[in-house]
PDB file of N, CA and C in Angstrom:
ATOM      1  N   UNK A   1     -45.006 -37.191  22.403  1.00  0.00           N
ATOM      2  CA  UNK A   1     -44.449 -38.315  22.350  1.00  0.00           C
ATOM      3  C   UNK A   1     -45.317 -38.793  20.870  1.00  0.00           C
ATOM      4  N   UNK A   2     -44.938 -39.327  20.330  1.00  0.00           N
ATOM      5  CA  UNK A   2     -45.592 -40.496  19.940  1.00  0.00           C
ATOM      6  C   UNK A   2     -44.559 -41.882  19.705  1.00  0.00           C
ATOM      7  N   UNK A   3     -45.496 -43.108  19.756  1.00  0.00           N
ATOM      8  CA  UNK A   3     -45.387 -44.266  20.084  1.00  0.00           C
ATOM      9  C   UNK A   3     -45.727 -45.093  18.845  1.00  0.00           C
ATOM     10  N   UNK A   4     -45.045 -46.256  18.571  1.00  0.00           N
ATOM     11  CA  UNK A   4     -45.263 -46.991  17.988  1.00  0.00           C
ATOM     12  C   UNK A   4     -44.442 -48.566  18.271  1.00  0.00           C
ATOM     13  N   UNK A   5     -45.565 -49.575  18.424  1.00  0.00           N
ATOM     14  CA  UNK A   5     -44.941 -50.703  18.800  1.00  0.00           C
ATOM     15  C   UNK A   5     -44.905 -51.829  17.564  1.00  0.00           C
ATOM     16  N   UNK A   6     -43.982 -52.928  18.113  1.00  0.00           N
ATOM     17  CA  UNK A   6     -44.004 -54.102  16.813  1.00  0.00           C
ATOM     18  C   UNK A   6     -42.750 -55.102  17.675  1.00  0.00           C
ATOM     19  N   UNK A   7     -43.618 -56.301  17.244  1.00  0.00           N
ATOM     20  CA  UNK A   7     -42.573 -57.395  17.640  1.00  0.00           C
ATOM     21  C   UNK A   7     -41.262 -57.328  16.043  1.00  0.00           C
ATOM     22  N   UNK A   8     -39.999 -57.954  16.962  1.00  0.00           N
ATOM     23  CA  UNK A   8     -39.121 -58.473  16.007  1.00  0.00           C
ATOM     24  C   UNK A   8     -38.158 -59.257  17.173  1.00  0.00           C
ATOM     25  N   UNK A   9     -38.259 -60.367  16.393  1.00  0.00           N
ATOM     26  CA  UNK A   9     -37.200 -61.186  16.689  1.00  0.00           C
ATOM     27  C   UNK A   9     -37.722 -61.900  18.333  1.00  0.00           C
ATOM     28  N   UNK A  10     -38.972 -61.879  18.788  1.00  0.00           N
ATOM     29  CA  UNK A  10     -39.491 -62.241  20.079  1.00  0.00           C
ATOM     30  C   UNK A  10     -39.768 -61.047  20.760  1.00  0.00           C
ATOM     31  N   UNK A  11     -38.969 -59.800  20.340  1.00  0.00           N
ATOM     32  CA  UNK A  11     -38.850 -58.521  21.419  1.00  0.00           C
ATOM     33  C   UNK A  11     -39.922 -57.875  21.241  1.00  0.00           C
ATOM     34  N   UNK A  12     -40.492 -56.857  22.214  1.00  0.00           N
ATOM     35  CA  UNK A  12     -41.208 -55.708  21.603  1.00  0.00           C
ATOM     36  C   UNK A  12     -40.499 -54.810  21.290  1.00  0.00           C
ATOM     37  N   UNK A  13     -40.876 -53.835  20.393  1.00  0.00           N
ATOM     38  CA  UNK A  13     -40.115 -52.446  20.410  1.00  0.00           C
ATOM     39  C   UNK A  13     -41.404 -51.451  20.511  1.00  0.00           C
ATOM     40  N   UNK A  14     -40.304 -50.768  20.813  1.00  0.00           N
ATOM     41  CA  UNK A  14     -41.426 -49.768  20.927  1.00  0.00           C
ATOM     42  C   UNK A  14     -40.709 -48.214  20.717  1.00  0.00           C
ATOM     43  N   UNK A  15     -41.116 -47.680  19.379  1.00  0.00           N
ATOM     44  CA  UNK A  15     -40.335 -46.165  18.926  1.00  0.00           C
ATOM     45  C   UNK A  15     -41.048 -45.368  19.510  1.00  0.00           C
ATOM     46  N   UNK A  16     -39.922 -44.341  20.176  1.00  0.00           N
ATOM     47  CA  UNK A  16     -40.458 -43.208  20.896  1.00  0.00           C
ATOM     48  C   UNK A  16     -39.860 -41.906  20.404  1.00  0.00           C
ATOM     49  N   UNK A  17     -40.613 -41.076  19.631  1.00  0.00           N
ATOM     50  CA  UNK A  17     -40.090 -39.638  18.922  1.00  0.00           C
ATOM     51  C   UNK A  17     -40.959 -38.635  19.416  1.00  0.00           C
ATOM     52  N   UNK A  18     -40.055 -37.696  19.982  1.00  0.00           N
ATOM     53  CA  UNK A  18     -40.388 -36.520  20.556  1.00  0.00           C
ATOM     54  C   UNK A  18     -39.857 -35.216  20.098  1.00  0.00           C
ATOM     55  N   UNK A  19     -40.660 -33.697  20.359  1.00  0.00           N
ATOM     56  CA  UNK A  19     -39.588 -32.794  19.773  1.00  0.00           C
ATOM     57  C   UNK A  19     -38.132 -32.979  20.732  1.00  0.00           C
ATOM     58  N   UNK A  20     -37.247 -31.953  19.601  1.00  0.00           N
ATOM     59  CA  UNK A  20     -36.095 -31.706  20.530  1.00  0.00           C
ATOM     60  C   UNK A  20     -36.294 -31.176  21.637  1.00  0.00           C
ATOM     61  N   UNK A  21     -37.112 -29.980  21.242  1.00  0.00           N
ATOM     62  CA  UNK A  21     -37.072 -28.208  22.447  1.00  0.00           C
ATOM     63  C   UNK A  21     -38.167 -29.373  22.911  1.00  0.00           C
ATOM     64  N   UNK A  22     -38.445 -29.113  24.336  1.00  0.00           N
ATOM     65  CA  UNK A  22     -39.538 -29.445  25.197  1.00  0.00           C
ATOM     66  C   UNK A  22     -40.783 -28.235  24.848  1.00  0.00           C
ATOM     67  N   UNK A  23     -41.808 -28.405  25.224  1.00  0.00           N
ATOM     68  CA  UNK A  23     -42.999 -27.585  25.130  1.00  0.00           C
ATOM     69  C   UNK A  23     -43.340 -26.819  26.139  1.00  0.00           C
ATOM     70  N   UNK A  24     -43.099 -25.179  25.920  1.00  0.00           N
ATOM     71  CA  UNK A  24     -43.143 -24.504  27.281  1.00  0.00           C
ATOM     72  C   UNK A  24     -44.958 -23.979  27.366  1.00  0.00           C
ATOM     73  N   UNK A  25     -44.595 -24.105  28.455  1.00  0.00           N
ATOM     74  CA  UNK A  25     -46.387 -23.844  29.033  1.00  0.00           C
ATOM     75  C   UNK A  25     -47.264 -22.751  28.596  1.00  0.00           C
ATOM     76  N   UNK A  26     -48.162 -22.897  27.801  1.00  0.00           N
ATOM     77  CA  UNK A  26     -48.556 -21.722  27.631  1.00  0.00           C
ATOM     78  C   UNK A  26     -48.473 -21.540  25.868  1.00  0.00           C
ATOM     79  N   UNK A  27     -47.550 -22.289  25.380  1.00  0.00           N
ATOM     80  CA  UNK A  27     -47.012 -22.476  24.116  1.00  0.00           C
ATOM     81  C   UNK A  27     -46.418 -23.514  23.254  1.00  0.00           C
ATOM     82  N   UNK A  28     -46.857 -23.728  22.050  1.00  0.00           N
ATOM     83  CA  UNK A  28     -47.332 -25.193  21.059  1.00  0.00           C
ATOM     84  C   UNK A  28     -46.209 -25.651  21.001  1.00  0.00           C
ATOM     85  N   UNK A  29     -46.299 -26.973  20.083  1.00  0.00           N
ATOM     86  CA  UNK A  29     -44.983 -27.689  20.294  1.00  0.00           C
ATOM     87  C   UNK A  29     -43.924 -27.229  19.102  1.00  0.00           C
ATOM     88  N   UNK A  30     -42.577 -27.144  19.425  1.00  0.00           N
ATOM     89  CA  UNK A  30     -41.698 -25.951  18.513  1.00  0.00           C
ATOM     90  C   UNK A  30     -41.203 -27.655  17.553  1.00  0.00           C
ATOM     91  N   UNK A  31     -41.934 -27.898  16.068  1.00  0.00           N
ATOM     92  CA  UNK A  31     -41.134 -28.880  15.708  1.00  0.00           C
ATOM     93  C   UNK A  31     -40.181 -28.206  14.387  1.00  0.00           C
ATOM     94  N   UNK A  32     -39.872 -27.472  14.688  1.00  0.00           N
ATOM     95  CA  UNK A  32     -38.985 -26.828  14.020  1.00  0.00           C
ATOM     96  C   UNK A  32     -37.715 -26.740  14.517  1.00  0.00           C
ATOM     97  N   UNK A  33     -37.590 -27.727  15.527  1.00  0.00           N
ATOM     98  CA  UNK A  33     -36.358 -27.344  15.809  1.00  0.00           C
ATOM     99  C   UNK A  33     -36.237 -29.000  15.948  1.00  0.00           C
ATOM    100  N   UNK A  34     -36.520 -29.518  15.469  1.00  0.00           N
ATOM    101  CA  UNK A  34     -36.359 -31.246  15.036  1.00  0.00           C
ATOM    102  C   UNK A  34     -36.903 -32.372  16.127  1.00  0.00           C
ATOM    103  N   UNK A  35     -36.318 -33.077  15.954  1.00  0.00           N
ATOM    104  CA  UNK A  35     -37.103 -34.591  16.762  1.00  0.00           C
ATOM    105  C   UNK A  35     -35.613 -35.141  17.250  1.00  0.00           C
ATOM    106  N   UNK A  36     -36.210 -35.866  18.843  1.00  0.00           N
ATOM    107  CA  UNK A  36     -35.017 -36.654  19.055  1.00  0.00           C
ATOM    108  C   UNK A  36     -35.981 -38.285  19.022  1.00  0.00           C
ATOM    109  N   UNK A  37     -35.126 -39.188  19.284  1.00  0.00           N
ATOM    110  CA  UNK A  37     -35.571 -40.354  19.048  1.00  0.00           C
ATOM    111  C   UNK A  37     -34.942 -41.470  20.480  1.00  0.00           C
ATOM    112  N   UNK A  38     -35.919 -42.349  20.677  1.00  0.00           N
ATOM    113  CA  UNK A  38     -35.437 -43.673  21.778  1.00  0.00           C
ATOM    114  C   UNK A  38     -35.952 -44.188  21.300  1.00  0.00           C
ATOM    115  N   UNK A  39     -35.483 -45.662  21.784  1.00  0.00           N
ATOM    116  CA  UNK A  39     -36.613 -46.786  21.777  1.00  0.00           C
ATOM    117  C   UNK A  39     -36.520 -47.801  22.924  1.00  0.00           C
ATOM    118  N   UNK A  40     -37.818 -48.270  23.161  1.00  0.00           N
ATOM    119  CA  UNK A  40     -37.480 -49.600  24.467  1.00  0.00           C
ATOM    120  C   UNK A  40     -37.919 -50.900  23.867  1.00  0.00           C
ATOM    121  N   UNK A  41     -36.779 -51.498  24.449  1.00  0.00           N
ATOM    122  CA  UNK A  41     -37.562 -52.854  24.142  1.00  0.00           C
ATOM    123  C   UNK A  41     -37.338 -53.834  25.310  1.00  0.00           C
ATOM    124  N   UNK A  42     -38.552 -54.720  24.936  1.00  0.00           N
ATOM    125  CA  UNK A  42     -38.795 -55.364  25.963  1.00  0.00           C
ATOM    126  C   UNK A  42     -39.226 -56.623  25.932  1.00  0.00           C
ATOM    127  N   UNK A  43     -39.093 -57.626  26.822  1.00  0.00           N
ATOM    128  CA  UNK A  43     -39.709 -58.972  26.736  1.00  0.00           C
ATOM    129  C   UNK A  43     -41.204 -59.400  26.990  1.00  0.00           C
ATOM    130  N   UNK A  44     -41.975 -59.556  25.726  1.00  0.00           N
ATOM    131  CA  UNK A  44     -43.590 -59.766  25.921  1.00  0.00           C
ATOM    132  C   UNK A  44     -43.825 -61.045  26.545  1.00  0.00           C
ATOM    133  N   UNK A  45     -44.938 -61.374  27.430  1.00  0.00           N
ATOM    134  CA  UNK A  45     -45.630 -61.643  28.085  1.00  0.00           C
ATOM    135  C   UNK A  45     -44.817 -62.714  28.459  1.00  0.00           C
ATOM    136  N   UNK A  46     -44.300 -62.196  29.619  1.00  0.00           N
ATOM    137  CA  UNK A  46     -43.604 -62.875  30.584  1.00  0.00           C
ATOM    138  C   UNK A  46     -43.889 -61.977  32.042  1.00  0.00           C
ATOM    139  N   UNK A  47     -43.712 -63.535  33.208  1.00  0.00           N
ATOM    140  CA  UNK A  47     -43.777 -62.912  34.085  1.00  0.00           C
ATOM    141  C   UNK A  47     -43.447 -61.383  34.933  1.00  0.00           C
ATOM    142  N   UNK A  48     -41.877 -61.348  34.600  1.00  0.00           N
ATOM    143  CA  UNK A  48     -41.472 -60.461  34.782  1.00  0.00           C
ATOM    144  C   UNK A  48     -40.390 -59.781  33.656  1.00  0.00           C
ATOM    145  N   UNK A  49     -41.171 -58.991  32.931  1.00  0.00           N
ATOM    146  CA  UNK A  49     -40.445 -58.472  31.705  1.00  0.00           C
ATOM    147  C   UNK A  49     -39.223 -57.958  32.141  1.00  0.00           C
ATOM    148  N   UNK A  50     -38.248 -58.117  31.566  1.00  0.00           N
ATOM    149  CA  UNK A  50     -37.291 -56.844  31.621  1.00  0.00           C
ATOM    150  C   UNK A  50     -37.631 -55.209  30.156  1.00  0.00           C
ATOM    151  N   UNK A  51     -36.946 -54.749  30.418  1.00  0.00           N
ATOM    152  CA  UNK A  51     -37.743 -53.685  29.513  1.00  0.00           C
ATOM    153  C   UNK A  51     -35.875 -52.651  29.714  1.00  0.00           C
ATOM    154  N   UNK A  52     -35.562 -52.345  28.531  1.00  0.00           N
ATOM    155  CA  UNK A  52     -34.640 -51.003  28.246  1.00  0.00           C
ATOM    156  C   UNK A  52     -34.736 -49.973  27.666  1.00  0.00           C
ATOM    157  N   UNK A  53     -34.912 -48.742  27.778  1.00  0.00           N
ATOM    158  CA  UNK A  53     -34.724 -47.560  26.779  1.00  0.00           C
ATOM    159  C   UNK A  53     -33.290 -47.251  26.136  1.00  0.00           C
ATOM    160  N   UNK A  54     -33.556 -47.163  25.287  1.00  0.00           N
ATOM    161  CA  UNK A  54     -32.057 -46.476  24.623  1.00  0.00           C
ATOM    162  C   UNK A  54     -32.429 -45.255  23.706  1.00  0.00           C
ATOM    163  N   UNK A  55     -31.267 -44.340  23.700  1.00  0.00           N
ATOM    164  CA  UNK A  55     -31.819 -43.330  22.905  1.00  0.00           C
ATOM    165  C   UNK A  55     -30.984 -43.236  21.523  1.00  0.00           C
ATOM    166  N   UNK A  56     -31.275 -42.964  20.982  1.00  0.00           N
ATOM    167  CA  UNK A  56     -30.695 -43.395  19.369  1.00  0.00           C
ATOM    168  C   UNK A  56     -29.520 -42.355  19.411  1.00  0.00           C
ATOM    169  N   UNK A  57     -27.974 -42.642  19.112  1.00  0.00           N
ATOM    170  CA  UNK A  57     -27.156 -41.288  19.311  1.00  0.00           C
ATOM    171  C   UNK A  57     -27.729 -40.893  17.656  1.00  0.00           C
ATOM    172  N   UNK A  58     -27.333 -39.586  17.595  1.00  0.00           N
ATOM    173  CA  UNK A  58     -26.937 -38.870  16.874  1.00  0.00           C
ATOM    174  C   UNK A  58     -26.232 -37.494  16.971  1.00  0.00           C
ATOM    175  N   UNK A  59     -25.734 -36.651  16.258  1.00  0.00           N
ATOM    176  CA  UNK A  59     -25.109 -35.429  16.230  1.00  0.00           C
ATOM    177  C   UNK A  59     -26.033 -34.522  16.247  1.00  0.00           C
ATOM    178  N   UNK A  60     -27.208 -34.713  15.756  1.00  0.00           N
ATOM    179  CA  UNK A  60     -27.894 -33.370  15.900  1.00  0.00           C
ATOM    180  C   UNK A  60     -29.775 -33.915  15.547  1.00  0.00           C
ATOM    181  N   UNK A  61     -30.529 -32.965  16.338  1.00  0.00           N
ATOM    182  CA  UNK A  61     -32.199 -33.816  15.768  1.00  0.00           C
ATOM    183  C   UNK A  61     -32.644 -34.068  14.351  1.00  0.00           C
ATOM    184  N   UNK A  62     -33.285 -35.035  14.275  1.00  0.00           N
ATOM    185  CA  UNK A  62     -33.356 -35.630  13.147  1.00  0.00           C
ATOM    186  C   UNK A  62     -34.757 -34.387  12.274  1.00  0.00           C
ATOM    187  N   UNK A  63     -34.625 -34.240  11.345  1.00  0.00           N
ATOM    188  CA  UNK A  63     -35.560 -33.137  10.560  1.00  0.00           C
ATOM    189  C   UNK A  63     -36.850 -33.376  10.938  1.00  0.00           C
ATOM    190  N   UNK A  64     -37.143 -35.036  10.869  1.00  0.00           N
ATOM    191  CA  UNK A  64     -38.494 -35.053  10.953  1.00  0.00           C
ATOM    192  C   UNK A  64     -38.415 -36.207  11.590  1.00  0.00           C
ATOM    193  N   UNK A  65     -40.312 -36.143  12.126  1.00  0.00           N
ATOM    194  CA  UNK A  65     -41.150 -37.168  12.866  1.00  0.00           C
ATOM    195  C   UNK A  65     -40.544 -38.940  11.827  1.00  0.00           C
ATOM    196  N   UNK A  66     -40.691 -38.949  11.142  1.00  0.00           N
ATOM    197  CA  UNK A  66     -40.673 -39.878   9.939  1.00  0.00           C
ATOM    198  C   UNK A  66     -39.201 -40.070   9.570  1.00  0.00           C
ATOM    199  N   UNK A  67     -38.274 -39.851  10.054  1.00  0.00           N
ATOM    200  CA  UNK A  67     -36.805 -39.671  10.089  1.00  0.00           C
ATOM    201  C   UNK A  67     -36.421 -40.775  11.359  1.00  0.00           C
ATOM    202  N   UNK A  68     -36.805 -39.657  12.655  1.00  0.00           N
ATOM    203  CA  UNK A  68     -36.382 -40.383  13.782  1.00  0.00           C
ATOM    204  C   UNK A  68     -37.031 -41.974  14.041  1.00  0.00           C
ATOM    205  N   UNK A  69     -38.424 -41.895  13.165  1.00  0.00           N
ATOM    206  CA  UNK A  69     -39.033 -43.336  13.922  1.00  0.00           C
ATOM    207  C   UNK A  69     -38.148 -44.267  12.760  1.00  0.00           C
ATOM    208  N   UNK A  70     -37.667 -43.861  11.683  1.00  0.00           N
ATOM    209  CA  UNK A  70     -37.150 -44.972  11.158  1.00  0.00           C
ATOM    210  C   UNK A  70     -35.602 -45.068  11.553  1.00  0.00           C
ATOM    211  N   UNK A  71     -34.781 -44.062  11.835  1.00  0.00           N
ATOM    212  CA  UNK A  71     -33.538 -44.149  13.125  1.00  0.00           C
ATOM    213  C   UNK A  71     -33.531 -45.333  13.793  1.00  0.00           C
ATOM    214  N   UNK A  72     -35.289 -45.055  14.899  1.00  0.00           N
ATOM    215  CA  UNK A  72     -35.314 -45.934  15.963  1.00  0.00           C
ATOM    216  C   UNK A  72     -35.658 -46.812  15.372  1.00  0.00           C
ATOM    217  N   UNK A  73     -35.889 -47.647  14.815  1.00  0.00           N
ATOM    218  CA  UNK A  73     -36.265 -49.287  13.958  1.00  0.00           C
ATOM    219  C   UNK A  73     -35.100 -49.584  13.537  1.00  0.00           C
ATOM    220  N   UNK A  74     -34.146 -49.345  12.896  1.00  0.00           N
ATOM    221  CA  UNK A  74     -32.978 -49.687  12.148  1.00  0.00           C
ATOM    222  C   UNK A  74     -32.264 -49.487  13.756  1.00  0.00           C
ATOM    223  N   UNK A  75     -32.195 -48.607  14.648  1.00  0.00           N
ATOM    224  CA  UNK A  75     -31.144 -48.728  15.911  1.00  0.00           C
ATOM    225  C   UNK A  75     -31.944 -50.136  16.982  1.00  0.00           C
ATOM    226  N   UNK A  76     -32.877 -50.315  16.940  1.00  0.00           N
ATOM    227  CA  UNK A  76     -33.394 -51.014  17.828  1.00  0.00           C
ATOM    228  C   UNK A  76     -33.064 -52.488  16.931  1.00  0.00           C
ATOM    229  N   UNK A  77     -33.193 -52.961  15.805  1.00  0.00           N
ATOM    230  CA  UNK A  77     -32.481 -54.057  14.900  1.00  0.00           C
ATOM    231  C   UNK A  77     -31.496 -54.421  15.542  1.00  0.00           C
ATOM    232  N   UNK A  78     -30.542 -53.186  15.431  1.00  0.00           N
ATOM    233  CA  UNK A  78     -28.898 -53.317  15.557  1.00  0.00           C
ATOM    234  C   UNK A  78     -28.674 -53.979  17.198  1.00  0.00           C
ATOM    235  N   UNK A  79     -29.548 -53.271  18.055  1.00  0.00           N
ATOM    236  CA  UNK A  79     -29.114 -53.767  19.389  1.00  0.00           C
ATOM    237  C   UNK A  79     -29.960 -55.177  19.539  1.00  0.00           C
ATOM    238  N   UNK A  80     -31.285 -55.516  18.762  1.00  0.00           N
ATOM    239  CA  UNK A  80     -31.522 -56.708  19.081  1.00  0.00           C
ATOM    240  C   UNK A  80     -30.538 -57.929  18.428  1.00  0.00           C
ATOM    241  N   UNK A  81     -29.956 -57.787  17.278  1.00  0.00           N
ATOM    242  CA  UNK A  81     -29.100 -58.710  16.641  1.00  0.00           C
ATOM    243  C   UNK A  81     -28.165 -58.819  16.593  1.00  0.00           C
ATOM    244  N   UNK A  82     -27.732 -57.967  18.033  1.00  0.00           N
ATOM    245  CA  UNK A  82     -26.109 -57.838  18.755  1.00  0.00           C
ATOM    246  C   UNK A  82     -25.342 -57.575  17.752  1.00  0.00           C
ATOM    247  N   UNK A  83     -25.420 -56.153  17.317  1.00  0.00           N
ATOM    248  CA  UNK A  83     -24.468 -55.445  16.749  1.00  0.00           C
ATOM    249  C   UNK A  83     -23.236 -55.249  17.697  1.00  0.00           C
ATOM    250  N   UNK A  84     -22.487 -56.021  18.395  1.00  0.00           N
ATOM    251  CA  UNK A  84     -20.980 -55.802  18.843  1.00  0.00           C
ATOM    252  C   UNK A  84     -21.631 -55.969  20.473  1.00  0.00           C
ATOM    253  N   UNK A  85     -20.260 -55.911  21.150  1.00  0.00           N
ATOM    254  CA  UNK A  85     -20.398 -55.964  22.849  1.00  0.00           C
ATOM    255  C   UNK A  85     -20.872 -54.695  23.302  1.00  0.00           C
ATOM    256  N   UNK A  86     -20.580 -53.481  22.573  1.00  0.00           N
ATOM    257  CA  UNK A  86     -21.338 -52.432  23.137  1.00  0.00           C
ATOM    258  C   UNK A  86     -22.774 -52.125  23.089  1.00  0.00           C
ATOM    259  N   UNK A  87     -23.186 -52.872  22.230  1.00  0.00           N
ATOM    260  CA  UNK A  87     -24.390 -53.017  22.280  1.00  0.00           C
ATOM    261  C   UNK A  87     -25.488 -54.082  22.710  1.00  0.00           C
ATOM    262  N   UNK A  88     -25.076 -54.872  23.080  1.00  0.00           N
ATOM    263  CA  UNK A  88     -25.817 -55.828  24.187  1.00  0.00           C
ATOM    264  C   UNK A  88     -26.798 -55.397  25.039  1.00  0.00           C
ATOM    265  N   UNK A  89     -28.196 -55.233  24.908  1.00  0.00           N
ATOM    266  CA  UNK A  89     -29.070 -55.196  25.302  1.00  0.00           C
ATOM    267  C   UNK A  89     -29.574 -55.308  26.179  1.00  0.00           C
ATOM    268  N   UNK A  90     -29.202 -56.823  27.006  1.00  0.00           N
ATOM    269  CA  UNK A  90     -29.410 -56.915  28.714  1.00  0.00           C
ATOM    270  C   UNK A  90     -27.997 -57.050  29.902  1.00  0.00           C
ATOM    271  N   UNK A  91     -27.300 -56.847  29.215  1.00  0.00           N
ATOM    272  CA  UNK A  91     -26.293 -56.916  29.942  1.00  0.00           C
ATOM    273  C   UNK A  91     -25.730 -55.702  30.590  1.00  0.00           C
ATOM    274  N   UNK A  92     -25.928 -54.310  29.863  1.00  0.00           N
ATOM    275  CA  UNK A  92     -25.812 -53.284  30.546  1.00  0.00           C
ATOM    276  C   UNK A  92     -26.655 -53.058  31.064  1.00  0.00           C
ATOM    277  N   UNK A  93     -26.373 -51.598  32.679  1.00  0.00           N
ATOM    278  CA  UNK A  93     -26.792 -50.980  33.056  1.00  0.00           C
ATOM    279  C   UNK A  93     -26.963 -49.418  33.549  1.00  0.00           C
TER     280      UNK A  93
END
């Protein structure tokens, strides 16, 4: 799994990209099946930081890790900017 971290509107965004098919013991990574993505959003530099992980929705796996990273970044910004009540990052459990 690859991770990329940055700040957006004062919150830390960590992009999580991983192969759609789990790697089986004794075999190499299977990147031909595409990639899935999630995003972790945290409050940085606080005594008790809140963090949440959200799976990036999609009908099928992303064809490349780059596509998955770009979708993760856009989805994180949508969540932080408050893209509607269904996207509230701290209210849902």
